[in-house]
Amino acid sequence: GNLKHDSHLLYTLSAVQILVLFDSLDLINVDSIAKYVISLQQPDGSFAGDVWGEIDTRFSYCALSTMNLMGKLDQLNVKSAVEFVVKCKNFDGGFGSVPGSESHAGQIFCCVGSLAICDALQHVDADLLGWWLCERQLPSGGLNGRPEKKEDVCYSWWVLSSSSILSKLSWINRDKLA
């Protein structure tokens, strides 16, 4: 955001990622940022994106990734964070934004990424989810984010990244992507 905007986990992760790319974490107060991220973890293990309290697995990924990049992951309640993400798993192998919500490629990346950061991929049915992900490829070769939707290039990132984490990239038809 901006110095005059409210703090948010989305922008916090982006800032930390940029600083890591430039090997410049020393430019920020890592302990202060860790304290902010810790303050957003809820009793059920989820994370609010900001002080206003919206809960979503995107924020779980942002919090876990931020803390991992800063070497502070052990300061979170990782066990409860994993438990919350696992509650968002659906019958189709995918994940939603909160428990009971529809599987979506963007949320799947956030949940699979979160579990990977926490060394908890054993909670993912990789074959079932890999199948769901490869089913996102349409006859045009493009990828959609959920069933019955049109392809969109943004879903290429979510689907391919999740497939890569699960070692299922070969399940996507590369020739059709071109």
Protein backbone atom coordinates (compact mmCIF):
# COMPACT_ATOMS: atom_id res chain seq x y z
CA GLY A 1 0.00 0.00 0.00
CA ASN A 2 1.11 3.40 1.08
CA LEU A 3 2.37 4.92 4.31
CA LYS A 4 -1.06 6.52 4.77
CA HIS A 5 -2.98 3.26 4.19
CA ASP A 6 -3.88 0.65 6.77
CA SER A 7 -1.48 -2.28 7.07
CA HIS A 8 -2.51 -5.53 5.36
CA LEU A 9 -0.95 -8.98 5.03
CA LEU A 10 -1.11 -8.86 1.21
CA TYR A 11 1.12 -5.79 1.04
CA THR A 12 3.30 -6.99 3.89
CA LEU A 13 4.15 -10.18 1.99
CA SER A 14 4.83 -8.23 -1.21
CA ALA A 15 7.21 -5.87 0.59
CA VAL A 16 9.06 -8.71 2.31
CA GLN A 17 9.35 -10.65 -0.97
CA ILE A 18 10.89 -7.64 -2.71
CA LEU A 19 13.34 -7.08 0.13
CA VAL A 20 14.34 -10.77 0.09
CA LEU A 21 14.94 -10.57 -3.68
CA PHE A 22 17.36 -7.71 -3.05
CA ASP A 23 18.88 -9.31 0.05
CA SER A 24 17.73 -6.27 2.02
CA LEU A 25 15.68 -7.52 4.99
CA ASP A 26 18.02 -5.43 7.14
CA LEU A 27 16.13 -2.35 5.92
CA ILE A 28 13.05 -3.27 7.98
CA ASN A 29 12.28 -4.09 11.58
CA VAL A 30 11.66 -7.83 11.16
CA ASP A 31 10.57 -8.23 14.80
CA SER A 32 7.95 -5.50 14.41
CA ILE A 33 6.57 -7.12 11.26
CA ALA A 34 6.55 -10.53 12.94
CA LYS A 35 4.59 -9.05 15.85
CA TYR A 36 2.04 -7.60 13.40
CA VAL A 37 1.63 -10.94 11.59
CA ILE A 38 1.31 -12.84 14.88
CA SER A 39 -1.41 -10.41 15.99
CA LEU A 40 -3.55 -11.42 13.00
CA GLN A 41 -3.65 -15.14 13.80
CA GLN A 42 -7.07 -16.13 15.12
CA PRO A 43 -7.81 -18.75 17.81
CA ASP A 44 -8.90 -21.26 15.11
CA GLY A 45 -5.53 -20.91 13.34
CA SER A 46 -6.79 -18.72 10.50
CA PHE A 47 -5.45 -15.25 9.76
CA ALA A 48 -7.25 -11.99 9.30
CA GLY A 49 -5.88 -9.91 6.47
CA ASP A 50 -5.88 -6.79 8.61
CA VAL A 51 -7.33 -5.34 11.79
CA TRP A 52 -10.80 -5.29 10.19
CA GLY A 53 -10.92 -9.09 10.40
CA GLU A 54 -11.70 -10.65 7.01
CA ILE A 55 -10.64 -14.33 7.16
CA ASP A 56 -9.45 -16.13 4.04
CA THR A 57 -6.83 -18.76 3.18
CA ARG A 58 -5.06 -16.13 1.07
CA PHE A 59 -4.11 -14.50 4.34
CA SER A 60 -2.93 -17.81 5.80
CA TYR A 61 -0.52 -18.10 2.87
CA CYS A 62 0.59 -14.48 3.21
CA ALA A 63 1.24 -14.84 6.93
CA LEU A 64 3.07 -18.15 6.69
CA SER A 65 5.12 -17.05 3.70
CA THR A 66 6.05 -13.71 5.29
CA MET A 67 7.16 -15.34 8.52
CA ASN A 68 9.05 -18.07 6.68
CA LEU A 69 10.92 -15.54 4.53
CA MET A 70 11.89 -13.61 7.65
CA GLY A 71 12.99 -16.77 9.50
CA LYS A 72 10.24 -16.32 12.09
CA LEU A 73 7.83 -19.15 11.21
CA ASP A 74 8.38 -20.78 14.61
CA GLN A 75 6.77 -17.75 16.28
CA LEU A 76 3.35 -18.64 14.84
CA ASN A 77 1.04 -21.40 15.99
CA VAL A 78 1.88 -23.45 12.90
CA LYS A 79 -0.10 -26.47 14.08
CA SER A 80 -3.36 -24.51 14.31
CA ALA A 81 -2.60 -22.73 11.01
CA VAL A 82 -2.28 -26.14 9.31
CA GLU A 83 -5.47 -27.36 11.00
CA PHE A 84 -7.40 -24.37 9.65
CA VAL A 85 -6.14 -24.90 6.10
CA VAL A 86 -7.01 -28.60 6.27
CA LYS A 87 -10.58 -27.65 7.32
CA CYS A 88 -10.85 -25.81 3.98
CA LYS A 89 -10.25 -29.02 1.99
CA ASN A 90 -13.17 -30.25 -0.10
CA PHE A 91 -14.40 -33.64 -1.32
CA ASP A 92 -12.90 -32.97 -4.76
CA GLY A 93 -9.39 -32.60 -3.30
CA GLY A 94 -9.41 -28.83 -3.75
CA PHE A 95 -9.51 -26.05 -1.19
CA GLY A 96 -11.68 -22.99 -0.67
CA SER A 97 -11.23 -19.65 1.03
CA VAL A 98 -12.89 -20.79 4.26
CA PRO A 99 -14.31 -24.13 5.41
CA GLY A 100 -17.23 -25.14 3.20
CA SER A 101 -16.44 -22.79 0.31
CA GLU A 102 -15.98 -23.87 -3.29
CA SER A 103 -12.63 -25.16 -4.54
CA HIS A 104 -10.83 -22.50 -6.56
CA ALA A 105 -7.41 -22.60 -8.21
CA GLY A 106 -6.22 -19.43 -6.47
CA GLN A 107 -7.22 -20.74 -3.06
CA ILE A 108 -5.68 -24.11 -3.87
CA PHE A 109 -2.33 -22.43 -4.50
CA CYS A 110 -2.62 -20.57 -1.19
CA CYS A 111 -3.51 -23.74 0.73
CA VAL A 112 -1.01 -26.06 -0.95
CA GLY A 113 1.66 -23.37 -0.62
CA SER A 114 0.81 -22.92 3.06
CA LEU A 115 1.01 -26.65 3.71
CA ALA A 116 4.30 -26.88 1.79
CA ILE A 117 5.81 -24.07 3.89
CA CYS A 118 4.70 -25.93 7.03
CA ASP A 119 6.03 -29.27 5.78
CA ALA A 120 2.47 -30.62 5.95
CA LEU A 121 1.73 -31.78 2.40
CA GLN A 122 0.69 -35.16 3.81
CA HIS A 123 -2.74 -33.53 4.30
CA VAL A 124 -3.18 -33.21 0.52
CA ASP A 125 -4.50 -36.06 -1.62
CA ALA A 126 -2.01 -35.24 -4.39
CA ASP A 127 -3.57 -37.56 -6.97
CA LEU A 128 -7.13 -36.33 -6.39
CA LEU A 129 -6.06 -32.70 -6.38
CA GLY A 130 -3.72 -33.24 -9.33
CA TRP A 131 -6.67 -34.58 -11.28
CA TRP A 132 -8.82 -31.58 -10.30
CA LEU A 133 -6.03 -29.26 -11.42
CA CYS A 134 -5.43 -30.96 -14.77
CA GLU A 135 -9.19 -30.81 -15.40
CA ARG A 136 -8.84 -27.02 -15.42
CA GLN A 137 -7.25 -27.25 -18.87
CA LEU A 138 -9.85 -26.50 -21.54
CA PRO A 139 -9.84 -27.60 -25.21
CA SER A 140 -8.22 -24.26 -26.10
CA GLY A 141 -5.28 -25.21 -23.89
CA GLY A 142 -6.00 -22.41 -21.44
CA LEU A 143 -6.72 -23.00 -17.77
CA ASN A 144 -9.70 -21.96 -15.70
CA GLY A 145 -9.95 -21.48 -11.95
CA ARG A 146 -12.96 -23.69 -11.34
CA PRO A 147 -15.38 -25.87 -13.29
CA GLU A 148 -17.61 -24.30 -15.94
CA LYS A 149 -15.63 -21.06 -16.14
CA LYS A 150 -13.65 -19.60 -19.03
CA GLU A 151 -9.90 -19.81 -19.24
CA ASP A 152 -7.86 -16.86 -18.00
CA VAL A 153 -4.10 -16.46 -18.05
CA CYS A 154 -4.04 -15.69 -14.31
CA TYR A 155 -5.13 -19.27 -13.65
CA SER A 156 -2.07 -20.54 -15.45
CA TRP A 157 -0.05 -19.35 -12.46
CA TRP A 158 -2.34 -20.81 -9.81
CA VAL A 159 -2.85 -24.18 -11.52
CA LEU A 160 0.73 -24.67 -12.72
CA SER A 161 2.29 -23.56 -9.43
CA SER A 162 0.06 -25.88 -7.43
CA SER A 163 0.75 -28.71 -9.87
CA SER A 164 4.48 -28.08 -9.53
CA ILE A 165 4.36 -28.21 -5.72
CA LEU A 166 2.53 -31.54 -6.02
CA SER A 167 4.92 -32.86 -8.71
CA LYS A 168 2.01 -33.14 -11.16
CA LEU A 169 3.09 -30.73 -13.91
CA SER A 170 3.28 -33.62 -16.35
CA TRP A 171 -0.48 -34.00 -15.97
CA ILE A 172 -0.98 -30.72 -17.88
CA ASN A 173 -0.74 -30.85 -21.68
CA ARG A 174 2.25 -28.55 -22.33
CA ASP A 175 1.78 -28.53 -26.09
CA LYS A 176 -1.71 -27.06 -25.69
CA LEU A 177 -0.40 -24.25 -23.46
CA ALA A 178 1.57 -22.69 -26.32
